[in-house]
Amino acid sequence: MIVNSGFGEISEIDFDLGPPDGGRLSFRFIVDGRSMPLCEPSDAYPFLESLREWMERCLVFDKCGVLHPEILTINCADGVYSAILFHAGWEEADGVAEPVSGLIVIRSGLKRPVFQGFCRTTETIVQLYRRIIEGIRRYRLLFDRQGAWYDTGRFSLLDHRTTAERLISRIHSGVIEKTKRFYATRKY
């Protein structure tokens, strides 16, 4: 399914991370309440560090107060995905200016983007971060099950953490959590 807002209205974007199964995660994209499969991250292609770094860069203004375009490319079990986020303007909410970005998600082999539209920058990044953490916590026992998710760290005699704990440490971001705490107090 391809969703195209035509770069008009600002879309409400959410995500859902499914359980690990055979080294794959089902990852859903929810746009304005419509859910669709997005991609299948795989244990064969570690992605959490790259995703965290991209999310952090998407939230940081440079010394001139500019958000720069940020691109993430990750290999998944079902193809190569690129997400491009670029600052498009501002929206006022409760007297505070909130950044709005254009978001384009592209999958290898498709002629059209999986998604293109506007989103609230901070809200989208915070939701993505929250859903990944929630999904890892929700399915923590499955991540340790043989055949569900492969993690070389489980063989380390020095690292006694579970696979879920290692995954959360890879995605954990103080930058995003500071924004998350701020954002959680906002009312729209």
Protein backbone atom coordinates (compact mmCIF):
# COMPACT_ATOMS: atom_id res chain seq x y z
CA MET A 1 0.00 0.00 0.00
CA ILE A 2 1.33 3.43 -0.90
CA VAL A 3 0.18 6.44 1.08
CA ASN A 4 0.51 9.86 -0.52
CA SER A 5 -0.71 12.96 1.19
CA GLY A 6 0.49 14.98 -1.78
CA PHE A 7 2.55 17.15 0.59
CA GLY A 8 -0.59 18.98 1.63
CA GLU A 9 -2.05 18.47 5.09
CA ILE A 10 0.07 17.46 8.04
CA SER A 11 -0.31 13.73 8.64
CA GLU A 12 -0.61 12.13 12.07
CA ILE A 13 2.05 9.42 12.02
CA ASP A 14 2.46 6.50 14.39
CA PHE A 15 4.23 3.15 14.28
CA ASP A 16 3.81 -0.40 15.57
CA LEU A 17 6.55 -2.95 16.11
CA GLY A 18 5.50 -6.58 15.96
CA PRO A 19 7.08 -9.62 17.63
CA PRO A 20 10.38 -11.07 16.43
CA ASP A 21 9.96 -14.22 14.38
CA GLY A 22 12.67 -16.01 12.43
CA GLY A 23 15.00 -13.01 12.75
CA ARG A 24 12.45 -10.54 11.40
CA LEU A 25 10.24 -7.87 12.93
CA SER A 26 7.03 -6.68 11.37
CA PHE A 27 7.01 -2.91 11.45
CA ARG A 28 3.81 -1.04 10.67
CA PHE A 29 3.34 2.56 9.62
CA ILE A 30 0.12 4.25 10.76
CA VAL A 31 -0.82 7.39 8.83
CA ASP A 32 -3.92 9.29 9.91
CA GLY A 33 -5.25 6.13 11.55
CA ARG A 34 -4.64 3.90 8.50
CA SER A 35 -2.23 1.07 9.25
CA MET A 36 -0.01 -0.55 6.65
CA PRO A 37 3.07 -2.78 6.66
CA LEU A 38 6.18 -0.68 6.32
CA CYS A 39 9.22 -2.93 6.51
CA GLU A 40 10.74 -5.99 8.12
CA PRO A 41 13.90 -5.13 10.04
CA SER A 42 16.10 -8.19 10.39
CA ASP A 43 18.67 -9.43 12.87
CA ALA A 44 20.98 -9.98 9.87
CA TYR A 45 21.19 -6.20 9.33
CA PRO A 46 21.71 -4.36 12.63
CA PHE A 47 19.80 -1.10 12.37
CA LEU A 48 19.13 0.35 15.82
CA GLU A 49 22.29 2.47 16.12
CA SER A 50 21.81 3.99 12.66
CA LEU A 51 18.14 4.64 13.37
CA ARG A 52 18.92 6.30 16.72
CA GLU A 53 21.59 8.53 15.18
CA TRP A 54 19.20 9.57 12.39
CA MET A 55 16.40 10.36 14.85
CA GLU A 56 18.77 12.45 16.97
CA ARG A 57 20.02 14.39 13.94
CA CYS A 58 16.42 15.08 12.88
CA LEU A 59 15.83 16.96 16.15
CA VAL A 60 18.95 19.11 16.27
CA PHE A 61 19.08 22.65 14.94
CA ASP A 62 22.45 23.99 13.82
CA LYS A 63 23.97 27.19 15.24
CA CYS A 64 21.89 29.24 12.77
CA GLY A 65 18.63 27.63 13.90
CA VAL A 66 18.25 25.42 10.83
CA LEU A 67 17.14 21.78 10.69
CA HIS A 68 19.04 20.08 7.89
CA PRO A 69 17.70 17.31 5.64
CA GLU A 70 18.52 13.93 7.11
CA ILE A 71 18.62 10.62 5.26
CA LEU A 72 18.55 7.13 6.73
CA THR A 73 19.15 4.02 4.65
CA ILE A 74 18.67 0.61 6.23
CA ASN A 75 18.70 -2.90 4.86
CA CYS A 76 15.67 -4.94 5.85
CA ALA A 77 14.62 -8.49 5.12
CA ASP A 78 12.19 -7.22 2.45
CA GLY A 79 14.36 -4.56 0.76
CA VAL A 80 16.46 -1.45 1.24
CA TYR A 81 14.60 1.52 2.72
CA SER A 82 15.51 5.18 2.76
CA ALA A 83 13.77 7.78 4.89
CA ILE A 84 14.33 11.45 4.08
CA LEU A 85 13.20 14.08 6.56
CA PHE A 86 13.55 17.76 5.68
CA HIS A 87 12.40 20.88 7.47
CA ALA A 88 9.40 22.44 5.72
CA GLY A 89 8.16 25.13 8.12
CA TRP A 90 6.48 25.77 11.43
CA GLU A 91 3.13 25.16 13.05
CA GLU A 92 1.96 27.10 16.08
CA ALA A 93 0.58 25.03 18.94
CA ASP A 94 -0.36 26.70 22.23
CA GLY A 95 1.75 29.72 21.34
CA VAL A 96 4.85 27.62 20.63
CA ALA A 97 6.29 27.13 17.16
CA GLU A 98 6.73 23.44 16.36
CA PRO A 99 8.80 22.26 13.36
CA VAL A 100 7.02 20.60 10.45
CA SER A 101 8.94 18.39 8.04
CA GLY A 102 8.47 16.67 4.76
CA LEU A 103 8.94 12.92 5.09
CA ILE A 104 9.60 10.59 2.19
CA VAL A 105 10.02 6.83 2.65
CA ILE A 106 11.38 4.91 -0.33
CA ARG A 107 11.75 1.15 -0.79
CA SER A 108 14.08 -0.40 -3.34
CA GLY A 109 12.27 -1.83 -6.32
CA LEU A 110 9.21 0.42 -6.09
CA LYS A 111 8.60 3.18 -8.61
CA ARG A 112 6.80 5.42 -6.12
CA PRO A 113 7.57 6.30 -2.50
CA VAL A 114 5.94 4.20 0.19
CA PHE A 115 5.03 7.51 1.84
CA GLN A 116 5.42 11.18 1.12
CA GLY A 117 3.83 13.87 3.18
CA PHE A 118 4.18 16.41 5.94
CA CYS A 119 4.56 15.49 9.59
CA ARG A 120 5.22 17.18 12.90
CA THR A 121 8.95 16.58 13.25
CA THR A 122 9.24 16.15 17.01
CA GLU A 123 6.00 14.20 17.37
CA THR A 124 6.96 11.75 14.60
CA ILE A 125 10.47 11.10 15.92
CA VAL A 126 9.24 10.73 19.51
CA GLN A 127 6.49 8.29 18.41
CA LEU A 128 8.97 6.20 16.43
CA TYR A 129 11.31 6.06 19.43
CA ARG A 130 8.50 5.23 21.88
CA ARG A 131 7.08 2.46 19.70
CA ILE A 132 10.45 0.77 19.26
CA ILE A 133 11.16 0.82 23.00
CA GLU A 134 7.60 -0.37 23.76
CA GLY A 135 7.88 -3.17 21.19
CA ILE A 136 11.20 -4.41 22.53
CA ARG A 137 9.83 -4.40 26.08
CA ARG A 138 6.55 -6.04 25.07
CA TYR A 139 8.32 -8.89 23.27
CA ARG A 140 11.40 -9.10 25.52
CA LEU A 141 10.95 -12.82 26.19
CA LEU A 142 10.63 -13.59 22.49
CA PHE A 143 13.88 -11.76 21.70
CA ASP A 144 15.69 -14.29 23.89
CA ARG A 145 14.01 -17.28 22.29
CA GLN A 146 16.26 -19.21 19.92
CA GLY A 147 15.07 -18.78 16.35
CA ALA A 148 13.14 -15.60 17.02
CA TRP A 149 16.06 -13.11 17.07
CA TYR A 150 19.79 -13.74 16.74
CA ASP A 151 22.10 -11.66 18.93
CA THR A 152 25.82 -12.40 19.12
CA GLY A 153 25.91 -10.67 22.51
CA ARG A 154 24.13 -13.60 24.12
CA PHE A 155 27.34 -15.61 23.80
CA SER A 156 29.47 -13.07 25.67
CA LEU A 157 30.68 -14.20 29.07
CA LEU A 158 31.19 -10.55 30.03
CA ASP A 159 27.75 -9.23 29.08
CA HIS A 160 24.98 -10.87 31.10
CA ARG A 161 22.17 -8.67 29.78
CA THR A 162 19.26 -10.16 27.90
CA THR A 163 18.86 -9.55 24.17
CA ALA A 164 16.07 -7.06 24.88
CA GLU A 165 18.32 -5.15 27.28
CA ARG A 166 21.08 -4.99 24.66
CA LEU A 167 18.61 -3.80 22.01
CA ILE A 168 17.25 -1.07 24.28
CA SER A 169 20.80 0.10 25.03
CA ARG A 170 21.42 0.42 21.26
CA ILE A 171 18.34 2.57 20.65
CA HIS A 172 18.45 4.53 23.93
CA SER A 173 18.87 8.27 23.39
CA GLY A 174 19.19 10.99 25.99
CA VAL A 175 18.57 13.55 23.24
CA ILE A 176 15.22 12.03 22.32
CA GLU A 177 14.21 11.38 25.91
CA LYS A 178 14.75 15.02 26.81
CA THR A 179 12.49 15.93 23.92
CA LYS A 180 10.08 13.17 24.92
CA ARG A 181 9.71 14.55 28.44
CA PHE A 182 9.14 18.03 27.04
CA TYR A 183 6.72 16.78 24.42
CA ALA A 184 4.75 14.60 26.85
CA THR A 185 3.71 17.74 28.72
CA ARG A 186 2.40 19.44 25.58
CA LYS A 187 -1.31 19.49 24.80
CA TYR A 188 -2.71 19.82 21.29
